[in-house]
């Protein structure tokens, strides 16, 4: 992790994360999903917010026709048939904030609109943090990732830092 912050019961670290967005065209979704499933080698999430893990990456269904592929390393090269949909790299514009620790729920309550009790492990949702759209991925009972726009990462980490300090 490139940058990190640790407080009693709460840790935050920021790093780069390769993200590929795939979107299927209306009327071609069944064929698009079958082709993407074949290329990735794993079943795709069925519902918005569901995820599928495979080795060092996660597939998230972020909208009815849109998927994000999050990679810990370099993303795979995937050529999408332009008759079925498209692929777009998003990693240059976003960073991953990994939040963890016993104080995580306390900090999230001050930062984002999320019902931590009903958001299951491995589920994702899009929400806002200080009026900035972010994707929250719950990794475990005490760990989550926030995928935030790179241009707002400094102000958002300061916002989270202030929220975590308010609980100490």
C-alpha atoms as a PDB file:
ATOM      1  CA  UNK A   1       0.000   0.000   0.000  1.00  0.00           C
ATOM      2  CA  UNK A   2       1.406   3.345  -1.004  1.00  0.00           C
ATOM      3  CA  UNK A   3       0.033   5.578   1.743  1.00  0.00           C
ATOM      4  CA  UNK A   4      -1.287   4.504   5.117  1.00  0.00           C
ATOM      5  CA  UNK A   5      -2.891   5.897   8.240  1.00  0.00           C
ATOM      6  CA  UNK A   6      -3.349   3.974  11.476  1.00  0.00           C
ATOM      7  CA  UNK A   7      -5.440   4.970  14.469  1.00  0.00           C
ATOM      8  CA  UNK A   8      -6.624   3.013  17.475  1.00  0.00           C
ATOM      9  CA  UNK A   9      -9.100   0.454  16.094  1.00  0.00           C
ATOM     10  CA  UNK A  10      -8.969   1.820  12.547  1.00  0.00           C
ATOM     11  CA  UNK A  11      -6.532   1.648   9.632  1.00  0.00           C
ATOM     12  CA  UNK A  12      -6.630   3.247   6.202  1.00  0.00           C
ATOM     13  CA  UNK A  13      -4.290   2.607   3.291  1.00  0.00           C
ATOM     14  CA  UNK A  14      -4.366   3.919  -0.282  1.00  0.00           C
ATOM     15  CA  UNK A  15      -3.045   2.203  -3.397  1.00  0.00           C
ATOM     16  CA  UNK A  16      -3.541   1.992  -7.134  1.00  0.00           C
ATOM     17  CA  UNK A  17      -5.998  -0.569  -8.439  1.00  0.00           C
ATOM     18  CA  UNK A  18      -6.404  -1.668 -12.028  1.00  0.00           C
ATOM     19  CA  UNK A  19     -10.071  -1.426 -13.007  1.00  0.00           C
ATOM     20  CA  UNK A  20     -11.653  -2.480 -16.289  1.00  0.00           C
ATOM     21  CA  UNK A  21     -15.255  -1.572 -16.999  1.00  0.00           C
ATOM     22  CA  UNK A  22     -17.307  -3.769 -19.322  1.00  0.00           C
ATOM     23  CA  UNK A  23     -20.687  -2.732 -20.648  1.00  0.00           C
ATOM     24  CA  UNK A  24     -23.049  -4.755 -22.799  1.00  0.00           C
ATOM     25  CA  UNK A  25     -25.343  -3.201 -25.363  1.00  0.00           C
ATOM     26  CA  UNK A  26     -29.083  -3.343 -24.877  1.00  0.00           C
ATOM     27  CA  UNK A  27     -30.463  -6.298 -26.829  1.00  0.00           C
ATOM     28  CA  UNK A  28     -27.121  -8.146 -26.789  1.00  0.00           C
ATOM     29  CA  UNK A  29     -26.726  -8.794 -23.044  1.00  0.00           C
ATOM     30  CA  UNK A  30     -27.203 -12.557 -23.091  1.00  0.00           C
ATOM     31  CA  UNK A  31     -24.538 -13.008 -25.758  1.00  0.00           C
ATOM     32  CA  UNK A  32     -22.280 -10.373 -24.147  1.00  0.00           C
ATOM     33  CA  UNK A  33     -22.480 -12.066 -20.732  1.00  0.00           C
ATOM     34  CA  UNK A  34     -21.805 -15.493 -22.248  1.00  0.00           C
ATOM     35  CA  UNK A  35     -18.736 -14.133 -24.046  1.00  0.00           C
ATOM     36  CA  UNK A  36     -17.442 -12.266 -20.973  1.00  0.00           C
ATOM     37  CA  UNK A  37     -17.976 -15.389 -18.857  1.00  0.00           C
ATOM     38  CA  UNK A  38     -15.937 -17.378 -21.386  1.00  0.00           C
ATOM     39  CA  UNK A  39     -13.118 -14.807 -21.466  1.00  0.00           C
ATOM     40  CA  UNK A  40     -12.896 -14.456 -17.670  1.00  0.00           C
ATOM     41  CA  UNK A  41     -13.405 -18.143 -16.951  1.00  0.00           C
ATOM     42  CA  UNK A  42     -15.817 -17.567 -14.054  1.00  0.00           C
ATOM     43  CA  UNK A  43     -19.563 -17.036 -13.705  1.00  0.00           C
ATOM     44  CA  UNK A  44     -20.631 -13.403 -13.668  1.00  0.00           C
ATOM     45  CA  UNK A  45     -22.540 -11.794 -10.783  1.00  0.00           C
ATOM     46  CA  UNK A  46     -26.289 -11.904 -11.434  1.00  0.00           C
ATOM     47  CA  UNK A  47     -27.489  -8.914  -9.423  1.00  0.00           C
ATOM     48  CA  UNK A  48     -26.231  -5.336  -9.055  1.00  0.00           C
ATOM     49  CA  UNK A  49     -23.893  -5.263  -6.052  1.00  0.00           C
ATOM     50  CA  UNK A  50     -22.932  -8.934  -6.261  1.00  0.00           C
ATOM     51  CA  UNK A  51     -19.294  -9.922  -6.729  1.00  0.00           C
ATOM     52  CA  UNK A  52     -17.324 -12.949  -7.891  1.00  0.00           C
ATOM     53  CA  UNK A  53     -13.721 -13.506  -6.727  1.00  0.00           C
ATOM     54  CA  UNK A  54     -11.076 -15.264  -8.778  1.00  0.00           C
ATOM     55  CA  UNK A  55      -7.374 -15.382  -7.882  1.00  0.00           C
ATOM     56  CA  UNK A  56      -6.175 -11.756  -7.707  1.00  0.00           C
ATOM     57  CA  UNK A  57      -9.273 -10.061  -9.094  1.00  0.00           C
ATOM     58  CA  UNK A  58     -12.941  -9.416  -8.374  1.00  0.00           C
ATOM     59  CA  UNK A  59     -15.834  -8.960 -10.813  1.00  0.00           C
ATOM     60  CA  UNK A  60     -18.536  -6.569  -9.577  1.00  0.00           C
ATOM     61  CA  UNK A  61     -21.862  -5.972 -11.261  1.00  0.00           C
ATOM     62  CA  UNK A  62     -22.208  -2.214 -10.775  1.00  0.00           C
ATOM     63  CA  UNK A  63     -25.285  -1.711 -12.997  1.00  0.00           C
ATOM     64  CA  UNK A  64     -27.669  -3.969 -14.913  1.00  0.00           C
ATOM     65  CA  UNK A  65     -25.452  -3.910 -18.047  1.00  0.00           C
ATOM     66  CA  UNK A  66     -22.103  -2.923 -16.465  1.00  0.00           C
ATOM     67  CA  UNK A  67     -19.321  -4.859 -14.738  1.00  0.00           C
ATOM     68  CA  UNK A  68     -16.086  -3.733 -13.083  1.00  0.00           C
ATOM     69  CA  UNK A  69     -13.081  -6.018 -12.972  1.00  0.00           C
ATOM     70  CA  UNK A  70     -10.768  -5.034 -10.074  1.00  0.00           C
ATOM     71  CA  UNK A  71      -7.253  -6.419 -10.324  1.00  0.00           C
ATOM     72  CA  UNK A  72      -4.483  -6.448  -7.731  1.00  0.00           C
ATOM     73  CA  UNK A  73      -1.938  -6.728 -10.548  1.00  0.00           C
ATOM     74  CA  UNK A  74      -2.044  -5.871 -14.229  1.00  0.00           C
ATOM     75  CA  UNK A  75      -5.469  -6.472 -15.762  1.00  0.00           C
ATOM     76  CA  UNK A  76      -5.928  -9.212 -18.352  1.00  0.00           C
ATOM     77  CA  UNK A  77      -6.143  -8.227 -21.999  1.00  0.00           C
ATOM     78  CA  UNK A  78      -9.756  -8.752 -23.019  1.00  0.00           C
ATOM     79  CA  UNK A  79     -11.081  -7.842 -26.447  1.00  0.00           C
ATOM     80  CA  UNK A  80     -14.815  -7.267 -26.426  1.00  0.00           C
ATOM     81  CA  UNK A  81     -16.740  -7.685 -29.667  1.00  0.00           C
ATOM     82  CA  UNK A  82     -17.958  -4.128 -30.447  1.00  0.00           C
ATOM     83  CA  UNK A  83     -21.261  -5.580 -31.640  1.00  0.00           C
ATOM     84  CA  UNK A  84     -21.874  -6.851 -28.095  1.00  0.00           C
ATOM     85  CA  UNK A  85     -20.414  -4.150 -25.839  1.00  0.00           C
ATOM     86  CA  UNK A  86     -17.243  -2.331 -24.876  1.00  0.00           C
ATOM     87  CA  UNK A  87     -14.360  -2.309 -22.397  1.00  0.00           C
ATOM     88  CA  UNK A  88     -12.882   0.792 -20.798  1.00  0.00           C
ATOM     89  CA  UNK A  89      -9.902   1.052 -18.398  1.00  0.00           C
ATOM     90  CA  UNK A  90     -10.780   3.106 -15.302  1.00  0.00           C
ATOM     91  CA  UNK A  91      -7.744   2.505 -13.088  1.00  0.00           C
ATOM     92  CA  UNK A  92      -5.917   5.721 -13.981  1.00  0.00           C
ATOM     93  CA  UNK A  93      -8.819   7.762 -12.658  1.00  0.00           C
ATOM     94  CA  UNK A  94      -9.404   5.929  -9.373  1.00  0.00           C
ATOM     95  CA  UNK A  95      -7.554   4.714  -6.296  1.00  0.00           C
ATOM     96  CA  UNK A  96      -8.459   2.145  -3.678  1.00  0.00           C
ATOM     97  CA  UNK A  97      -8.782   3.112  -0.028  1.00  0.00           C
ATOM     98  CA  UNK A  98      -8.625   0.001   2.147  1.00  0.00           C
ATOM     99  CA  UNK A  99     -10.316   0.628   5.493  1.00  0.00           C
ATOM    100  CA  UNK A 100     -10.088  -1.901   8.313  1.00  0.00           C
ATOM    101  CA  UNK A 101     -10.258  -2.482  12.046  1.00  0.00           C
ATOM    102  CA  UNK A 102     -12.752  -2.596  14.852  1.00  0.00           C
ATOM    103  CA  UNK A 103     -13.548   1.110  14.412  1.00  0.00           C
ATOM    104  CA  UNK A 104     -14.529   0.709  10.747  1.00  0.00           C
ATOM    105  CA  UNK A 105     -18.296   0.742  11.257  1.00  0.00           C
ATOM    106  CA  UNK A 106     -17.994   3.805  13.488  1.00  0.00           C
ATOM    107  CA  UNK A 107     -16.013   5.675  10.801  1.00  0.00           C
ATOM    108  CA  UNK A 108     -18.335   4.611   7.956  1.00  0.00           C
ATOM    109  CA  UNK A 109     -21.364   5.872   9.895  1.00  0.00           C
ATOM    110  CA  UNK A 110     -19.810   9.349   9.759  1.00  0.00           C
ATOM    111  CA  UNK A 111     -18.829   9.217   6.079  1.00  0.00           C
ATOM    112  CA  UNK A 112     -21.206   7.256   3.855  1.00  0.00           C
ATOM    113  CA  UNK A 113     -24.824   6.173   3.609  1.00  0.00           C
ATOM    114  CA  UNK A 114     -24.584   2.401   4.075  1.00  0.00           C
ATOM    115  CA  UNK A 115     -26.359  -0.123   6.261  1.00  0.00           C
ATOM    116  CA  UNK A 116     -23.310  -2.161   7.291  1.00  0.00           C
ATOM    117  CA  UNK A 117     -25.475  -4.819   8.948  1.00  0.00           C
ATOM    118  CA  UNK A 118     -27.363  -5.699   5.747  1.00  0.00           C
ATOM    119  CA  UNK A 119     -24.481  -5.267   3.292  1.00  0.00           C
ATOM    120  CA  UNK A 120     -23.086  -8.788   3.118  1.00  0.00           C
ATOM    121  CA  UNK A 121     -19.440  -9.708   2.846  1.00  0.00           C
ATOM    122  CA  UNK A 122     -18.384  -9.581  -0.793  1.00  0.00           C
ATOM    123  CA  UNK A 123     -21.172  -7.177  -1.752  1.00  0.00           C
ATOM    124  CA  UNK A 124     -20.657  -3.754  -3.283  1.00  0.00           C
ATOM    125  CA  UNK A 125     -22.700  -0.588  -3.545  1.00  0.00           C
ATOM    126  CA  UNK A 126     -22.318   2.844  -4.995  1.00  0.00           C
ATOM    127  CA  UNK A 127     -22.751   5.693  -2.546  1.00  0.00           C
ATOM    128  CA  UNK A 128     -21.458   9.179  -1.893  1.00  0.00           C
ATOM    129  CA  UNK A 129     -18.688  10.405   0.375  1.00  0.00           C
ATOM    130  CA  UNK A 130     -18.527  14.167   0.919  1.00  0.00           C
ATOM    131  CA  UNK A 131     -20.673  14.549  -2.245  1.00  0.00           C
ATOM    132  CA  UNK A 132     -18.269  12.429  -4.311  1.00  0.00           C
ATOM    133  CA  UNK A 133     -19.477   9.153  -5.896  1.00  0.00           C
ATOM    134  CA  UNK A 134     -17.582   6.110  -4.585  1.00  0.00           C
ATOM    135  CA  UNK A 135     -17.922   2.340  -4.813  1.00  0.00           C
ATOM    136  CA  UNK A 136     -17.823   0.535  -1.462  1.00  0.00           C
ATOM    137  CA  UNK A 137     -16.834  -3.148  -1.470  1.00  0.00           C
ATOM    138  CA  UNK A 138     -17.298  -5.000   1.826  1.00  0.00           C
ATOM    139  CA  UNK A 139     -14.424  -7.475   2.134  1.00  0.00           C
ATOM    140  CA  UNK A 140     -15.154  -8.849   5.636  1.00  0.00           C
ATOM    141  CA  UNK A 141     -16.801  -7.936   8.925  1.00  0.00           C
ATOM    142  CA  UNK A 142     -14.042  -5.410   9.642  1.00  0.00           C
ATOM    143  CA  UNK A 143     -12.618  -4.491   6.212  1.00  0.00           C
ATOM    144  CA  UNK A 144     -13.832  -2.687   3.100  1.00  0.00           C
ATOM    145  CA  UNK A 145     -12.473  -0.984   0.014  1.00  0.00           C
ATOM    146  CA  UNK A 146     -13.597   2.394  -1.263  1.00  0.00           C
ATOM    147  CA  UNK A 147     -12.869   3.048  -4.942  1.00  0.00           C
ATOM    148  CA  UNK A 148     -12.661   6.812  -5.210  1.00  0.00           C
ATOM    149  CA  UNK A 149     -11.809   9.293  -7.959  1.00  0.00           C
ATOM    150  CA  UNK A 150      -8.064   9.942  -7.910  1.00  0.00           C
ATOM    151  CA  UNK A 151      -8.624  13.709  -8.110  1.00  0.00           C
ATOM    152  CA  UNK A 152     -10.543  13.634  -4.801  1.00  0.00           C
ATOM    153  CA  UNK A 153      -8.416  11.056  -2.967  1.00  0.00           C
ATOM    154  CA  UNK A 154      -6.508  13.569  -0.818  1.00  0.00           C
ATOM    155  CA  UNK A 155      -9.613  15.404   0.372  1.00  0.00           C
ATOM    156  CA  UNK A 156     -11.497  12.136   0.954  1.00  0.00           C
ATOM    157  CA  UNK A 157      -8.669  10.640   3.018  1.00  0.00           C
ATOM    158  CA  UNK A 158      -8.619  13.836   5.095  1.00  0.00           C
ATOM    159  CA  UNK A 159     -12.412  13.576   5.513  1.00  0.00           C
ATOM    160  CA  UNK A 160     -12.111   9.945   6.666  1.00  0.00           C
ATOM    161  CA  UNK A 161      -9.185  10.876   8.929  1.00  0.00           C
ATOM    162  CA  UNK A 162     -11.333  13.562  10.606  1.00  0.00           C
ATOM    163  CA  UNK A 163     -14.236  11.102  10.998  1.00  0.00           C
ATOM    164  CA  UNK A 164     -11.954   8.504  12.587  1.00  0.00           C
ATOM    165  CA  UNK A 165     -10.429  11.091  14.946  1.00  0.00           C
ATOM    166  CA  UNK A 166     -13.920  12.152  16.058  1.00  0.00           C
ATOM    167  CA  UNK A 167     -14.478   8.662  17.438  1.00  0.00           C
ATOM    168  CA  UNK A 168     -11.344   8.572  19.600  1.00  0.00           C
END
